[in-house]
Amino acid sequence: MPAPVPKEHPLRRLFGSLVHRTFAGTLGLSNEHVADYIANLLADFIHVDNIHKIRDARGKPLDEVAEMLMEGDVRLRANSFSREREVHKHIGDFTLFWTGVYPEALRYLRAPDRKDHLLDYISRGKESYYVASTFDYGRYQEEARILRRLSASFELCAFGLNLVRREWERLGDPSSSTARQVLLE
């Protein structure tokens, strides 16, 4: 896996600022932990390898939710409950990213010749975040609350991510003062 984007990297700060402003200001969702999680998700998914980080037993990256669901089921391919949690958390991240940031890609991701053709990414994302949130002990305890909140407000978070995308697209507009505001925060 690629090295994570450093905590103080300008891109991570940009995503943090855009997400916090959009989620708290526009959507009225003022949960700092959820906003931090989503900003970190955007920074992590800068590397395409992180979008496709779930791999099968042969090391092949899985790029379809249907395959990931099989990989994350302890009755099928997951060799531990930790693996089940990891895969379901990633399915939540994967579906939130695509439905929120690039919903136009769903035509390809759910095309008739793909395994995901009949899957509802929103329902699967909500369900997977919920499954991952049930691992609410030890090192998973704090993140479990965030994942439960993401499950409960998946559609709102996807909408918020779409607004964040619009904001970062406006950053290139020379007539917009948004870029200066965000970068100076």
Protein backbone atom coordinates (compact mmCIF):
# COMPACT_ATOMS: atom_id res chain seq x y z
CA MET A 1 0.00 0.00 0.00
CA PRO A 2 1.17 3.56 -0.67
CA ALA A 3 2.39 5.73 2.16
CA PRO A 4 -0.42 7.78 3.71
CA VAL A 5 -0.69 11.46 2.92
CA PRO A 6 1.08 13.14 5.88
CA LYS A 7 -1.17 14.68 8.53
CA GLU A 8 0.07 18.22 7.84
CA HIS A 9 0.04 17.93 4.04
CA PRO A 10 -1.83 20.83 2.38
CA LEU A 11 -4.14 18.41 0.57
CA ARG A 12 -5.25 16.80 3.83
CA ARG A 13 -5.82 20.28 5.32
CA LEU A 14 -7.78 21.32 2.22
CA PHE A 15 -10.07 18.29 2.44
CA GLY A 16 -10.48 18.84 6.17
CA SER A 17 -11.48 22.45 5.69
CA LEU A 18 -13.89 21.73 2.83
CA VAL A 19 -15.55 18.82 4.63
CA HIS A 20 -15.91 20.60 7.97
CA ARG A 21 -17.28 23.76 6.36
CA THR A 22 -19.73 21.89 4.14
CA PHE A 23 -20.92 19.38 6.71
CA ALA A 24 -21.29 21.81 9.63
CA GLY A 25 -22.27 24.92 7.69
CA THR A 26 -24.39 23.70 4.80
CA LEU A 27 -25.74 20.39 6.12
CA GLY A 28 -25.88 21.18 9.83
CA LEU A 29 -24.03 17.94 10.60
CA SER A 30 -21.61 19.12 13.25
CA ASN A 31 -20.11 15.79 14.29
CA GLU A 32 -16.36 16.50 14.26
CA HIS A 33 -15.44 12.81 14.28
CA VAL A 34 -17.55 12.03 11.21
CA ALA A 35 -16.17 15.08 9.36
CA ASP A 36 -12.60 14.09 10.25
CA TYR A 37 -13.26 10.51 9.10
CA ILE A 38 -14.63 11.69 5.75
CA ALA A 39 -11.80 14.18 5.20
CA ASN A 40 -9.28 11.42 5.93
CA LEU A 41 -11.12 9.10 3.55
CA LEU A 42 -10.72 11.65 0.74
CA ALA A 43 -7.02 12.04 1.48
CA ASP A 44 -6.51 8.27 1.65
CA PHE A 45 -8.37 7.67 -1.61
CA ILE A 46 -6.02 10.05 -3.46
CA HIS A 47 -4.03 6.86 -4.05
CA VAL A 48 -6.07 4.56 -6.29
CA ASP A 49 -4.45 1.57 -4.57
CA ASN A 50 -6.33 2.55 -1.42
CA ILE A 51 -9.64 2.57 -3.29
CA HIS A 52 -8.87 -1.02 -4.32
CA LYS A 53 -7.00 -2.13 -1.20
CA ILE A 54 -9.14 -5.22 -0.55
CA ARG A 55 -7.50 -8.16 -2.28
CA ASP A 56 -8.44 -11.78 -2.71
CA ALA A 57 -6.31 -14.75 -1.60
CA ARG A 58 -4.22 -14.49 -4.80
CA GLY A 59 -3.52 -10.81 -4.19
CA LYS A 60 -5.85 -9.54 -6.93
CA PRO A 61 -7.43 -6.16 -6.06
CA LEU A 62 -11.21 -6.39 -5.80
CA ASP A 63 -13.04 -3.59 -7.56
CA GLU A 64 -16.61 -4.81 -7.22
CA VAL A 65 -18.72 -4.71 -4.08
CA ALA A 66 -20.13 -8.18 -4.83
CA GLU A 67 -16.61 -9.64 -4.70
CA MET A 68 -15.81 -7.69 -1.53
CA LEU A 69 -18.97 -8.99 0.14
CA MET A 70 -17.80 -12.56 -0.46
CA GLU A 71 -14.30 -11.69 0.73
CA GLY A 72 -15.69 -10.17 3.93
CA ASP A 73 -17.97 -13.05 4.90
CA VAL A 74 -16.50 -15.41 7.51
CA ARG A 75 -18.73 -18.16 6.12
CA LEU A 76 -17.11 -17.79 2.71
CA ARG A 77 -13.64 -16.25 2.44
CA ALA A 78 -12.83 -14.08 5.45
CA ASN A 79 -10.40 -15.98 7.65
CA SER A 80 -11.18 -13.95 10.79
CA PHE A 81 -13.69 -11.56 12.27
CA SER A 82 -11.08 -8.80 12.00
CA ARG A 83 -10.96 -9.43 8.26
CA GLU A 84 -14.75 -9.28 8.13
CA ARG A 85 -14.69 -5.89 9.87
CA GLU A 86 -11.89 -4.57 7.65
CA VAL A 87 -13.70 -5.54 4.46
CA HIS A 88 -17.08 -4.19 5.56
CA LYS A 89 -15.53 -0.91 6.66
CA HIS A 90 -13.89 -0.65 3.25
CA ILE A 91 -17.16 -1.45 1.45
CA GLY A 92 -18.75 1.44 3.36
CA ASP A 93 -15.86 3.74 2.40
CA PHE A 94 -15.86 2.55 -1.23
CA THR A 95 -19.60 3.01 -1.72
CA LEU A 96 -19.69 6.35 0.10
CA PHE A 97 -16.83 7.63 -2.04
CA TRP A 98 -18.39 6.62 -5.36
CA THR A 99 -21.98 7.62 -4.52
CA GLY A 100 -20.89 10.94 -3.03
CA VAL A 101 -17.85 12.14 -4.96
CA TYR A 102 -18.30 10.53 -8.37
CA PRO A 103 -21.91 9.37 -8.75
CA GLU A 104 -21.54 9.53 -12.54
CA ALA A 105 -19.13 6.56 -12.29
CA LEU A 106 -21.94 4.35 -11.00
CA ARG A 107 -23.09 3.79 -14.60
CA TYR A 108 -19.82 1.96 -15.21
CA LEU A 109 -19.47 0.36 -11.77
CA ARG A 110 -22.99 -1.07 -11.99
CA ALA A 111 -23.05 -1.79 -15.75
CA PRO A 112 -25.01 -4.85 -16.95
CA ASP A 113 -21.83 -6.88 -17.53
CA ARG A 114 -20.57 -6.37 -13.95
CA LYS A 115 -21.32 -8.31 -10.78
CA ASP A 116 -22.50 -5.12 -9.09
CA HIS A 117 -25.23 -4.58 -11.68
CA LEU A 118 -28.09 -5.33 -9.29
CA LEU A 119 -26.50 -3.95 -6.12
CA ASP A 120 -27.72 -0.77 -4.49
CA TYR A 121 -24.52 0.97 -3.38
CA ILE A 122 -26.33 3.10 -0.81
CA SER A 123 -27.99 0.11 0.89
CA ARG A 124 -24.79 -1.92 0.78
CA GLY A 125 -22.72 0.95 2.13
CA LYS A 126 -25.12 1.56 5.01
CA GLU A 127 -25.24 -2.14 5.83
CA SER A 128 -21.47 -2.57 5.66
CA TYR A 129 -20.80 0.42 7.89
CA TYR A 130 -23.33 -1.04 10.33
CA VAL A 131 -21.66 -4.48 10.28
CA ALA A 132 -18.24 -2.90 10.87
CA SER A 133 -19.71 -0.80 13.70
CA THR A 134 -20.79 -3.91 15.59
CA PHE A 135 -17.11 -4.54 16.32
CA ASP A 136 -17.30 -2.10 19.22
CA TYR A 137 -14.66 -3.38 21.60
CA GLY A 138 -10.97 -2.80 22.23
CA ARG A 139 -9.16 -0.90 19.52
CA TYR A 140 -12.35 -0.68 17.41
CA GLN A 141 -14.51 0.95 20.08
CA GLU A 142 -14.00 4.62 19.21
CA GLU A 143 -14.31 4.12 15.45
CA ALA A 144 -17.42 1.95 15.92
CA ARG A 145 -19.43 5.03 16.95
CA ILE A 146 -18.32 6.88 13.82
CA LEU A 147 -19.16 3.94 11.56
CA ARG A 148 -22.60 3.63 13.19
CA ARG A 149 -23.21 7.32 12.51
CA LEU A 150 -22.04 6.93 8.89
CA SER A 151 -24.46 4.02 8.49
CA ALA A 152 -27.36 6.04 9.90
CA SER A 153 -26.64 9.16 7.82
CA PHE A 154 -25.13 7.58 4.70
CA GLU A 155 -27.32 9.48 2.21
CA LEU A 156 -26.66 12.82 3.90
CA CYS A 157 -22.91 12.14 3.93
CA ALA A 158 -22.98 11.17 0.23
CA PHE A 159 -24.83 14.40 -0.55
CA GLY A 160 -22.29 16.31 1.54
CA LEU A 161 -19.42 14.72 -0.36
CA ASN A 162 -21.03 15.83 -3.62
CA LEU A 163 -21.14 19.39 -2.27
CA VAL A 164 -17.49 19.09 -1.22
CA ARG A 165 -16.62 18.03 -4.76
CA ARG A 166 -18.41 21.10 -6.16
CA GLU A 167 -16.43 23.28 -3.77
CA TRP A 168 -13.07 21.85 -4.78
CA GLU A 169 -14.01 22.19 -8.45
CA ARG A 170 -14.71 25.88 -7.81
CA LEU A 171 -11.22 26.30 -6.36
CA GLY A 172 -9.84 26.57 -9.90
CA ASP A 173 -12.19 29.43 -10.76
CA PRO A 174 -10.12 32.65 -10.63
CA SER A 175 -13.23 34.68 -9.73
CA SER A 176 -13.92 32.54 -6.66
CA SER A 177 -12.64 33.69 -3.30
CA THR A 178 -13.30 30.21 -1.89
CA ALA A 179 -9.78 29.03 -2.70
CA ARG A 180 -8.14 31.79 -0.72
CA GLN A 181 -10.52 31.29 2.23
CA VAL A 182 -9.96 27.54 2.35
CA LEU A 183 -6.21 27.70 1.94
CA LEU A 184 -5.80 30.41 4.56
CA GLU A 185 -7.85 28.59 7.22
